[in-house]
């Protein structure tokens, strides 16, 4: 299995967190019509995004982060 790089983890964390925001905005626009499905999906998306962000932070702390110029 291929190890995830800093860039992959950072972009995945940002993507999942952005998806959670979009889901919550969709919930707002729909007037809480689908709150039973959208809210749990947003929470799961935030948890996954947070996990990827933590992994990216750990990789950065170990010296596998982006190269400094």
N, C-alpha and C. Protein backbone atom coordinates (compact mmCIF):
# COMPACT_ATOMS: atom_id res chain seq x y z
N UNK A 1 0.83 -1.17 0.00
CA UNK A 1 0.00 0.00 0.00
C UNK A 1 0.89 1.25 0.00
N UNK A 2 0.55 2.19 -0.82
CA UNK A 2 1.34 3.40 -0.94
C UNK A 2 1.06 4.33 0.24
N UNK A 3 2.14 4.90 0.79
CA UNK A 3 1.99 5.83 1.90
C UNK A 3 1.48 7.18 1.38
N UNK A 4 0.63 7.81 2.16
CA UNK A 4 0.10 9.11 1.77
C UNK A 4 1.13 10.20 2.02
N UNK A 5 1.27 11.11 1.08
CA UNK A 5 2.21 12.21 1.23
C UNK A 5 1.53 13.37 1.93
N UNK A 6 2.34 14.36 2.29
CA UNK A 6 1.80 15.55 2.94
C UNK A 6 0.77 16.23 2.06
N UNK A 7 1.10 16.40 0.77
CA UNK A 7 0.19 17.10 -0.14
C UNK A 7 -1.15 16.38 -0.27
N UNK A 8 -1.12 15.07 -0.37
CA UNK A 8 -2.36 14.30 -0.50
C UNK A 8 -3.21 14.46 0.76
N UNK A 9 -2.58 14.37 1.92
CA UNK A 9 -3.32 14.50 3.18
C UNK A 9 -3.89 15.90 3.35
N UNK A 10 -3.10 16.92 3.02
CA UNK A 10 -3.56 18.29 3.17
C UNK A 10 -4.73 18.60 2.23
N UNK A 11 -4.62 18.16 0.99
CA UNK A 11 -5.70 18.43 0.03
C UNK A 11 -6.95 17.63 0.38
N UNK A 12 -6.78 16.39 0.82
CA UNK A 12 -7.94 15.59 1.23
C UNK A 12 -8.61 16.20 2.45
N UNK A 13 -7.84 16.66 3.42
CA UNK A 13 -8.41 17.30 4.60
C UNK A 13 -9.20 18.55 4.23
N UNK A 14 -8.63 19.37 3.37
CA UNK A 14 -9.33 20.57 2.92
C UNK A 14 -10.58 20.21 2.13
N UNK A 15 -10.49 19.19 1.29
CA UNK A 15 -11.64 18.78 0.47
C UNK A 15 -12.80 18.26 1.31
N UNK A 16 -12.50 17.41 2.29
CA UNK A 16 -13.56 16.88 3.13
C UNK A 16 -14.16 17.96 4.03
N UNK A 17 -13.34 18.87 4.52
CA UNK A 17 -13.87 19.97 5.33
C UNK A 17 -14.75 20.90 4.48
N UNK A 18 -14.32 21.14 3.25
CA UNK A 18 -15.13 21.94 2.34
C UNK A 18 -16.44 21.26 1.99
N UNK A 19 -16.40 19.94 1.84
CA UNK A 19 -17.62 19.19 1.58
C UNK A 19 -18.61 19.33 2.73
N UNK A 20 -18.10 19.31 3.96
CA UNK A 20 -18.97 19.47 5.12
C UNK A 20 -19.65 20.84 5.10
N UNK A 21 -18.89 21.87 4.75
CA UNK A 21 -19.46 23.21 4.67
C UNK A 21 -20.53 23.27 3.58
N UNK A 22 -20.25 22.66 2.43
CA UNK A 22 -21.23 22.65 1.34
C UNK A 22 -22.50 21.89 1.74
N UNK A 23 -22.34 20.79 2.46
CA UNK A 23 -23.51 20.05 2.93
C UNK A 23 -24.34 20.87 3.90
N UNK A 24 -23.67 21.59 4.80
CA UNK A 24 -24.41 22.43 5.74
C UNK A 24 -25.09 23.60 5.03
N UNK A 25 -24.46 24.14 4.00
CA UNK A 25 -25.11 25.19 3.21
C UNK A 25 -26.32 24.63 2.45
N UNK A 26 -26.19 23.41 1.94
CA UNK A 26 -27.32 22.78 1.25
C UNK A 26 -28.46 22.55 2.22
N UNK A 27 -28.12 22.21 3.46
CA UNK A 27 -29.14 22.03 4.48
C UNK A 27 -29.85 23.36 4.75
N UNK A 28 -29.09 24.44 4.80
CA UNK A 28 -29.66 25.76 5.02
C UNK A 28 -30.59 26.17 3.88
N UNK A 29 -30.13 25.94 2.66
CA UNK A 29 -30.93 26.33 1.48
C UNK A 29 -32.21 25.51 1.39
N UNK A 30 -32.13 24.23 1.75
CA UNK A 30 -33.32 23.38 1.65
C UNK A 30 -34.29 23.58 2.81
N UNK A 31 -33.93 24.43 3.75
CA UNK A 31 -34.83 24.68 4.87
C UNK A 31 -34.94 23.50 5.80
N UNK A 32 -33.84 22.82 6.05
CA UNK A 32 -33.79 21.64 6.92
C UNK A 32 -34.67 20.50 6.44
N UNK A 33 -34.90 20.45 5.15
CA UNK A 33 -35.75 19.39 4.57
C UNK A 33 -35.11 18.01 4.71
N UNK A 34 -33.80 17.94 4.53
CA UNK A 34 -33.09 16.65 4.55
C UNK A 34 -32.11 16.57 5.71
N UNK A 35 -32.46 17.19 6.83
CA UNK A 35 -31.54 17.28 7.97
C UNK A 35 -31.15 15.90 8.50
N UNK A 36 -32.02 14.92 8.38
CA UNK A 36 -31.73 13.58 8.88
C UNK A 36 -30.61 12.90 8.11
N UNK A 37 -30.42 13.28 6.86
CA UNK A 37 -29.37 12.68 6.05
C UNK A 37 -28.15 13.59 5.92
N UNK A 38 -28.39 14.89 5.80
CA UNK A 38 -27.29 15.82 5.54
C UNK A 38 -26.42 16.04 6.78
N UNK A 39 -27.03 16.18 7.93
CA UNK A 39 -26.26 16.47 9.14
C UNK A 39 -25.28 15.35 9.50
N UNK A 40 -25.70 14.08 9.51
CA UNK A 40 -24.71 13.02 9.79
C UNK A 40 -23.61 12.95 8.72
N UNK A 41 -23.96 13.19 7.47
CA UNK A 41 -22.94 13.17 6.41
C UNK A 41 -21.94 14.31 6.61
N UNK A 42 -22.41 15.47 7.06
CA UNK A 42 -21.51 16.60 7.31
C UNK A 42 -20.59 16.31 8.49
N UNK A 43 -21.12 15.67 9.52
CA UNK A 43 -20.30 15.34 10.69
C UNK A 43 -19.22 14.33 10.31
N UNK A 44 -19.59 13.31 9.54
CA UNK A 44 -18.62 12.31 9.10
C UNK A 44 -17.55 12.97 8.22
N UNK A 45 -17.98 13.87 7.35
CA UNK A 45 -17.04 14.56 6.48
C UNK A 45 -16.07 15.42 7.30
N UNK A 46 -16.55 16.07 8.34
CA UNK A 46 -15.66 16.86 9.20
C UNK A 46 -14.68 15.97 9.95
N UNK A 47 -15.12 14.83 10.41
CA UNK A 47 -14.23 13.91 11.13
C UNK A 47 -13.14 13.39 10.20
N UNK A 48 -13.51 12.99 9.00
CA UNK A 48 -12.53 12.48 8.03
C UNK A 48 -11.56 13.60 7.63
N UNK A 49 -12.09 14.79 7.38
CA UNK A 49 -11.23 15.92 7.05
C UNK A 49 -10.28 16.27 8.17
N UNK A 50 -10.76 16.20 9.39
CA UNK A 50 -9.89 16.44 10.54
C UNK A 50 -8.80 15.40 10.67
N UNK A 51 -9.15 14.15 10.41
CA UNK A 51 -8.15 13.08 10.49
C UNK A 51 -7.06 13.27 9.44
N UNK A 52 -7.45 13.65 8.23
CA UNK A 52 -6.45 13.91 7.20
C UNK A 52 -5.59 15.13 7.55
N UNK A 53 -6.20 16.14 8.14
CA UNK A 53 -5.44 17.32 8.54
C UNK A 53 -4.44 17.00 9.63
N UNK A 54 -4.84 16.18 10.59
CA UNK A 54 -3.92 15.77 11.64
C UNK A 54 -2.77 14.95 11.05
N UNK A 55 -3.08 14.07 10.13
CA UNK A 55 -2.03 13.27 9.48
C UNK A 55 -1.06 14.17 8.72
N UNK A 56 -1.58 15.19 8.03
CA UNK A 56 -0.71 16.12 7.32
C UNK A 56 0.17 16.88 8.30
N UNK A 57 -0.38 17.27 9.43
CA UNK A 57 0.40 17.98 10.45
C UNK A 57 1.50 17.08 11.01
N UNK A 58 1.19 15.82 11.25
CA UNK A 58 2.21 14.89 11.75
C UNK A 58 3.32 14.67 10.73
N UNK A 59 2.94 14.56 9.47
CA UNK A 59 3.95 14.40 8.42
C UNK A 59 4.84 15.65 8.32
N UNK A 60 4.23 16.81 8.50
CA UNK A 60 5.00 18.04 8.46
C UNK A 60 5.96 18.12 9.63
N UNK A 61 5.51 17.69 10.80
CA UNK A 61 6.36 17.72 12.00
C UNK A 61 7.53 16.74 11.88
N UNK A 62 7.33 15.64 11.16
CA UNK A 62 8.39 14.66 10.99
C UNK A 62 9.39 15.08 9.90
N UNK A 63 9.12 16.17 9.23
CA UNK A 63 10.03 16.63 8.19
C UNK A 63 9.66 16.19 6.80
N UNK A 64 8.48 15.63 6.63
CA UNK A 64 8.02 15.20 5.31
C UNK A 64 7.04 16.18 4.69
N UNK A 65 7.01 17.39 5.21
CA UNK A 65 6.10 18.41 4.72
C UNK A 65 6.62 19.06 3.45
N UNK A 66 6.02 20.18 3.09
CA UNK A 66 6.46 20.88 1.87
C UNK A 66 7.86 21.45 2.06
N UNK A 67 8.61 21.47 0.99
CA UNK A 67 9.99 21.99 1.04
C UNK A 67 9.97 23.50 1.24
N UNK A 68 10.85 23.98 2.11
CA UNK A 68 10.94 25.43 2.34
C UNK A 68 11.86 26.03 1.30
N UNK A 69 11.51 27.23 0.90
CA UNK A 69 12.29 27.90 -0.15
C UNK A 69 13.29 28.83 0.45
